[in-house]
Amino acid sequence: MTTLRAESVTRVFETRGEAVHAVQDVSLEVRPGELLVVTGPSGAGKTTLLNLLGGLDRPTSGRVLLGDDELSALGEDALAAVRRDRLGYVFQSFGLIPVLSAAENVEVPLRLQRMPAAERNARVAESLELVGLAGHAAQRPYELSGGQQQRVAIVRAIATSPQLLLLDEVTSALDPELVGEVLALVRSLAESGTTIVMATHEMAFARDVADRVVFLDGGLIIEDRPAREFFAAPREDRTREFLARFLPDA
């Protein structure tokens, strides 16, 4: 099975003539079957890190490897093939195509893989059944609730059986009552052995489900520890302050 590694990865952006280090010298490894939660305050670099891990952006320095392939060194065509065939990415804004039905949205990456029609149709039906949306296959995004739209986005990302699933704040755009249904899906994927990197502020979920937690602040890894240790005895004052905001009774 494939391991994802970031080695001394830095990403610098130019903003108003100044260099902003969104991610600074980050090294980490994501093991097969692991649910790794990336958390930290707003602006900590979580989305930038996920973009780098998923090949949506290239590091200013350092490298990202998926198995033996260095994503940051691949040409655009080869990188697009990796993203299409080996990675799944879900954004907080759902990213569904509004003129397509739920089934057609799930079908898009399978068409890009040139999967035969019969297999494609079976995979779409199976995917929607998995998340309880078989009865909504013909509906367009505007006819679905936010939680339903995000579940469609997630099954679209896993329909191709990717080696790694990247989830970027997938509950942040949802009403509180819809958060639970999306987290339940992520939990079931984790329990089935899907390798997941998830940026989130859902600390109760991370405490109960994550294998490991990376805490980012200012683009730096402040802590990278097994979830049980991270929540039971955080080492850094900054981590304790952050957790107190989300788990005041912990």
Protein backbone atom coordinates (compact mmCIF):
# COMPACT_ATOMS: atom_id res chain seq x y z
CA MET A 1 0.00 0.00 0.00
CA THR A 2 1.09 3.57 -0.71
CA THR A 3 2.49 6.01 1.83
CA LEU A 4 2.30 9.79 1.44
CA ARG A 5 5.27 11.82 2.67
CA ALA A 6 6.07 15.49 2.90
CA GLU A 7 9.76 16.25 3.32
CA SER A 8 10.78 19.73 4.52
CA VAL A 9 7.96 21.33 2.55
CA THR A 10 7.70 25.13 2.45
CA ARG A 11 5.26 27.26 0.50
CA VAL A 12 5.89 30.98 0.14
CA PHE A 13 3.41 33.43 -1.39
CA GLU A 14 4.11 37.01 -2.40
CA THR A 15 1.56 39.40 -0.90
CA ARG A 16 1.90 43.13 -1.48
CA GLY A 17 5.58 42.69 -2.13
CA GLU A 18 6.17 40.68 1.04
CA ALA A 19 6.95 36.98 1.37
CA VAL A 20 4.35 35.07 3.37
CA HIS A 21 5.35 31.60 4.58
CA ALA A 22 2.03 29.74 4.50
CA VAL A 23 3.73 26.41 5.26
CA GLN A 24 7.19 26.24 6.79
CA ASP A 25 9.53 23.25 6.72
CA VAL A 26 6.75 20.67 7.22
CA SER A 27 7.67 17.00 7.30
CA LEU A 28 5.11 14.28 7.92
CA GLU A 29 4.09 10.81 6.82
CA VAL A 30 0.60 9.49 6.21
CA ARG A 31 0.43 5.73 6.63
CA PRO A 32 -1.94 3.46 4.68
CA GLY A 33 -5.32 3.16 6.38
CA GLU A 34 -4.65 6.11 8.70
CA LEU A 35 -7.01 8.99 9.47
CA LEU A 36 -4.76 11.99 10.01
CA VAL A 37 -6.45 15.16 11.25
CA VAL A 38 -4.78 18.49 10.52
CA THR A 39 -6.02 21.26 12.77
CA GLY A 40 -5.08 24.71 13.99
CA PRO A 41 -6.41 28.27 14.01
CA SER A 42 -7.70 30.00 10.89
CA GLY A 43 -4.79 31.02 8.67
CA ALA A 44 -2.52 28.33 10.12
CA GLY A 45 -1.79 26.83 6.68
CA LYS A 46 -4.13 23.83 6.72
CA THR A 47 -5.61 24.33 3.25
CA THR A 48 -2.21 25.16 1.77
CA LEU A 49 -0.79 21.96 3.24
CA LEU A 50 -3.63 19.85 1.85
CA ASN A 51 -3.19 21.48 -1.57
CA LEU A 52 0.48 20.55 -1.49
CA LEU A 53 -0.21 16.98 -0.36
CA GLY A 54 -2.82 16.55 -3.08
CA GLY A 55 -0.73 17.95 -5.91
CA LEU A 56 -2.99 20.98 -6.36
CA ASP A 57 -0.04 23.26 -5.60
CA ARG A 58 3.73 22.88 -5.73
CA PRO A 59 6.07 23.62 -2.81
CA THR A 60 8.53 26.48 -2.95
CA SER A 61 11.03 24.03 -1.48
CA GLY A 62 10.96 20.45 -0.23
CA ARG A 63 9.06 17.63 -1.85
CA VAL A 64 5.87 15.56 -1.62
CA LEU A 65 5.94 11.85 -2.45
CA LEU A 66 3.07 9.44 -3.06
CA GLY A 67 4.75 6.08 -2.87
CA ASP A 68 7.83 6.41 -5.07
CA ASP A 69 6.40 9.27 -7.14
CA GLU A 70 7.51 12.80 -6.29
CA LEU A 71 4.37 14.82 -6.98
CA SER A 72 6.22 18.11 -6.88
CA ALA A 73 8.50 16.97 -9.74
CA LEU A 74 5.85 15.60 -12.12
CA GLY A 75 4.85 17.39 -15.29
CA GLU A 76 1.32 18.76 -15.56
CA ASP A 77 -0.08 15.81 -17.53
CA ALA A 78 1.42 13.21 -15.19
CA LEU A 79 0.30 15.15 -12.14
CA ALA A 80 -3.24 15.43 -13.52
CA ALA A 81 -3.28 11.65 -14.01
CA VAL A 82 -2.22 11.09 -10.39
CA ARG A 83 -4.94 13.42 -9.13
CA ARG A 84 -7.51 11.70 -11.34
CA ASP A 85 -6.60 8.09 -10.59
CA ARG A 86 -4.98 8.00 -7.15
CA LEU A 87 -6.28 10.94 -5.10
CA GLY A 88 -9.69 12.16 -3.99
CA TYR A 89 -10.22 15.74 -2.82
CA VAL A 90 -13.31 17.27 -1.19
CA PHE A 91 -13.64 21.01 -0.60
CA GLN A 92 -15.72 22.88 1.96
CA SER A 93 -17.71 24.47 -0.88
CA PHE A 94 -18.93 21.06 -2.23
CA GLY A 95 -17.69 21.76 -5.77
CA LEU A 96 -20.61 20.03 -7.48
CA ILE A 97 -21.49 20.90 -11.07
CA PRO A 98 -24.87 22.65 -10.75
CA VAL A 99 -26.36 21.56 -14.10
CA LEU A 100 -25.68 17.86 -13.42
CA SER A 101 -27.70 15.51 -11.26
CA ALA A 102 -26.24 13.82 -8.19
CA ALA A 103 -25.60 10.67 -10.21
CA GLU A 104 -24.01 12.61 -13.07
CA ASN A 105 -21.72 14.45 -10.64
CA VAL A 106 -20.50 11.15 -9.20
CA GLU A 107 -20.04 9.83 -12.74
CA VAL A 108 -17.70 12.64 -13.87
CA PRO A 109 -14.37 11.18 -12.60
CA LEU A 110 -15.36 7.72 -13.85
CA ARG A 111 -15.91 9.13 -17.34
CA LEU A 112 -12.50 10.77 -17.15
CA GLN A 113 -11.06 7.34 -16.37
CA ARG A 114 -12.91 5.95 -19.43
CA MET A 115 -14.65 3.32 -17.30
CA PRO A 116 -17.08 1.23 -19.39
CA ALA A 117 -20.69 2.43 -19.17
CA ALA A 118 -22.11 -0.65 -17.45
CA GLU A 119 -19.41 -0.64 -14.77
CA ARG A 120 -19.74 3.13 -14.43
CA ASN A 121 -23.49 2.98 -13.88
CA ALA A 122 -23.11 0.22 -11.31
CA ARG A 123 -20.40 2.15 -9.45
CA VAL A 124 -22.54 5.32 -9.34
CA ALA A 125 -25.57 3.45 -8.03
CA GLU A 126 -23.45 1.65 -5.44
CA SER A 127 -21.83 4.90 -4.30
CA LEU A 128 -25.11 6.74 -3.82
CA GLU A 129 -26.60 3.75 -2.02
CA LEU A 130 -23.61 3.81 0.33
CA VAL A 131 -24.55 7.27 1.61
CA GLY A 132 -28.31 6.83 1.58
CA LEU A 133 -28.89 8.97 -1.51
CA ALA A 134 -30.06 6.37 -4.02
CA GLY A 135 -33.47 8.04 -4.05
CA HIS A 136 -31.91 11.41 -4.92
CA ALA A 137 -29.84 10.30 -7.92
CA ALA A 138 -31.78 12.45 -10.40
CA GLN A 139 -31.79 15.61 -8.30
CA ARG A 140 -29.51 18.54 -9.02
CA PRO A 141 -27.44 20.14 -6.27
CA TYR A 142 -29.88 23.00 -5.62
CA GLU A 143 -32.54 20.39 -4.84
CA LEU A 144 -30.40 18.79 -2.12
CA SER A 145 -29.61 19.92 1.42
CA GLY A 146 -26.08 21.02 2.25
CA GLY A 147 -25.39 17.73 4.00
CA GLN A 148 -26.65 15.78 1.01
CA GLN A 149 -24.52 17.84 -1.36
CA GLN A 150 -21.41 17.22 0.71
CA ARG A 151 -22.13 13.49 0.82
CA VAL A 152 -22.39 13.51 -2.98
CA ALA A 153 -19.06 15.35 -3.15
CA ILE A 154 -17.43 12.75 -0.90
CA VAL A 155 -18.72 9.72 -2.79
CA ARG A 156 -17.68 11.38 -6.06
CA ALA A 157 -14.16 11.59 -4.60
CA ILE A 158 -14.12 7.93 -3.51
CA ALA A 159 -15.90 6.49 -6.57
CA THR A 160 -12.54 5.96 -8.28
CA SER A 161 -11.16 4.05 -5.24
CA PRO A 162 -8.34 6.55 -4.60
CA GLN A 163 -5.30 5.67 -2.56
CA LEU A 164 -5.76 8.81 -0.48
CA LEU A 165 -8.74 11.02 0.37
CA LEU A 166 -8.13 14.67 1.31
CA LEU A 167 -10.95 16.50 3.12
CA ASP A 168 -10.65 20.25 3.58
CA GLU A 169 -13.02 21.62 6.25
CA VAL A 170 -15.87 19.61 4.76
CA THR A 171 -18.33 20.58 7.52
CA SER A 172 -17.56 24.29 7.83
CA ALA A 173 -20.18 25.39 5.26
CA LEU A 174 -22.94 23.25 6.80
CA ASP A 175 -25.67 24.10 9.26
CA PRO A 176 -24.96 22.47 12.64
CA GLU A 177 -27.74 19.89 12.25
CA LEU A 178 -26.16 18.65 8.98
CA VAL A 179 -22.63 18.25 10.32
CA GLY A 180 -23.36 14.92 11.97
CA GLU A 181 -24.43 13.14 8.79
CA VAL A 182 -21.21 14.11 6.99
CA LEU A 183 -19.00 13.16 9.95
CA ALA A 184 -20.80 9.82 10.16
CA LEU A 185 -19.81 9.14 6.55
CA VAL A 186 -16.18 10.09 7.22
CA ARG A 187 -16.19 7.82 10.28
CA SER A 188 -17.47 4.89 8.22
CA LEU A 189 -14.80 5.50 5.56
CA ALA A 190 -12.09 5.57 8.24
CA GLU A 191 -13.40 2.37 9.79
CA SER A 192 -13.32 0.69 6.37
CA GLY A 193 -9.60 1.45 6.04
CA THR A 194 -9.67 4.46 3.71
CA THR A 195 -6.53 6.58 4.06
CA ILE A 196 -7.69 10.10 4.93
CA VAL A 197 -6.08 13.47 5.62
CA MET A 198 -8.72 15.78 7.05
CA ALA A 199 -8.38 19.46 7.91
CA THR A 200 -11.04 20.23 10.52
CA HIS A 201 -12.02 22.09 13.69
CA GLU A 202 -14.31 19.23 14.73
CA MET A 203 -12.25 18.33 17.78
CA ALA A 204 -14.71 15.93 19.39
CA PHE A 205 -14.76 13.95 16.15
CA ALA A 206 -10.96 14.03 15.93
CA ARG A 207 -10.64 12.85 19.52
CA ASP A 208 -13.00 9.92 18.92
CA VAL A 209 -12.02 8.84 15.40
CA ALA A 210 -8.57 10.12 14.33
CA ASP A 211 -5.47 7.98 14.52
CA ARG A 212 -3.14 10.99 14.62
CA VAL A 213 -3.41 14.76 14.91
CA VAL A 214 -1.13 17.42 13.45
CA PHE A 215 -1.52 20.87 15.01
CA LEU A 216 -0.41 23.73 12.74
CA ASP A 217 0.13 27.34 13.71
CA GLY A 218 1.76 29.96 11.54
CA GLY A 219 2.54 27.33 8.92
CA LEU A 220 4.60 25.30 11.41
CA ILE A 221 3.86 21.89 12.91
CA ILE A 222 3.54 22.54 16.64
CA GLU A 223 2.55 18.98 17.54
CA ASP A 224 2.27 15.71 15.61
CA ARG A 225 1.11 12.92 17.88
CA PRO A 226 -1.26 9.96 18.20
CA ALA A 227 -4.76 11.32 18.83
CA ARG A 228 -5.08 9.77 22.27
CA GLU A 229 -1.88 11.45 23.47
CA PHE A 230 -2.65 14.73 21.74
CA PHE A 231 -5.95 15.16 23.54
CA ALA A 232 -4.97 13.61 26.88
CA ALA A 233 -1.77 15.58 27.39
CA PRO A 234 -0.95 18.28 24.80
CA ARG A 235 2.67 19.38 25.18
CA GLU A 236 2.48 22.99 24.08
CA ASP A 237 0.67 25.94 25.67
CA ARG A 238 -0.59 27.01 22.24
CA THR A 239 -2.19 23.60 21.74
CA ARG A 240 -3.86 23.67 25.14
CA GLU A 241 -5.27 27.13 24.46
CA PHE A 242 -6.66 25.97 21.12
CA LEU A 243 -8.27 22.84 22.53
CA ALA A 244 -9.84 24.78 25.39
CA ARG A 245 -11.88 26.71 22.81
CA PHE A 246 -13.36 23.57 21.28
CA LEU A 247 -13.33 21.09 24.17
CA PRO A 248 -13.82 23.23 27.28
CA ASP A 249 -14.78 20.22 29.40
CA ALA A 250 -11.87 18.06 28.28
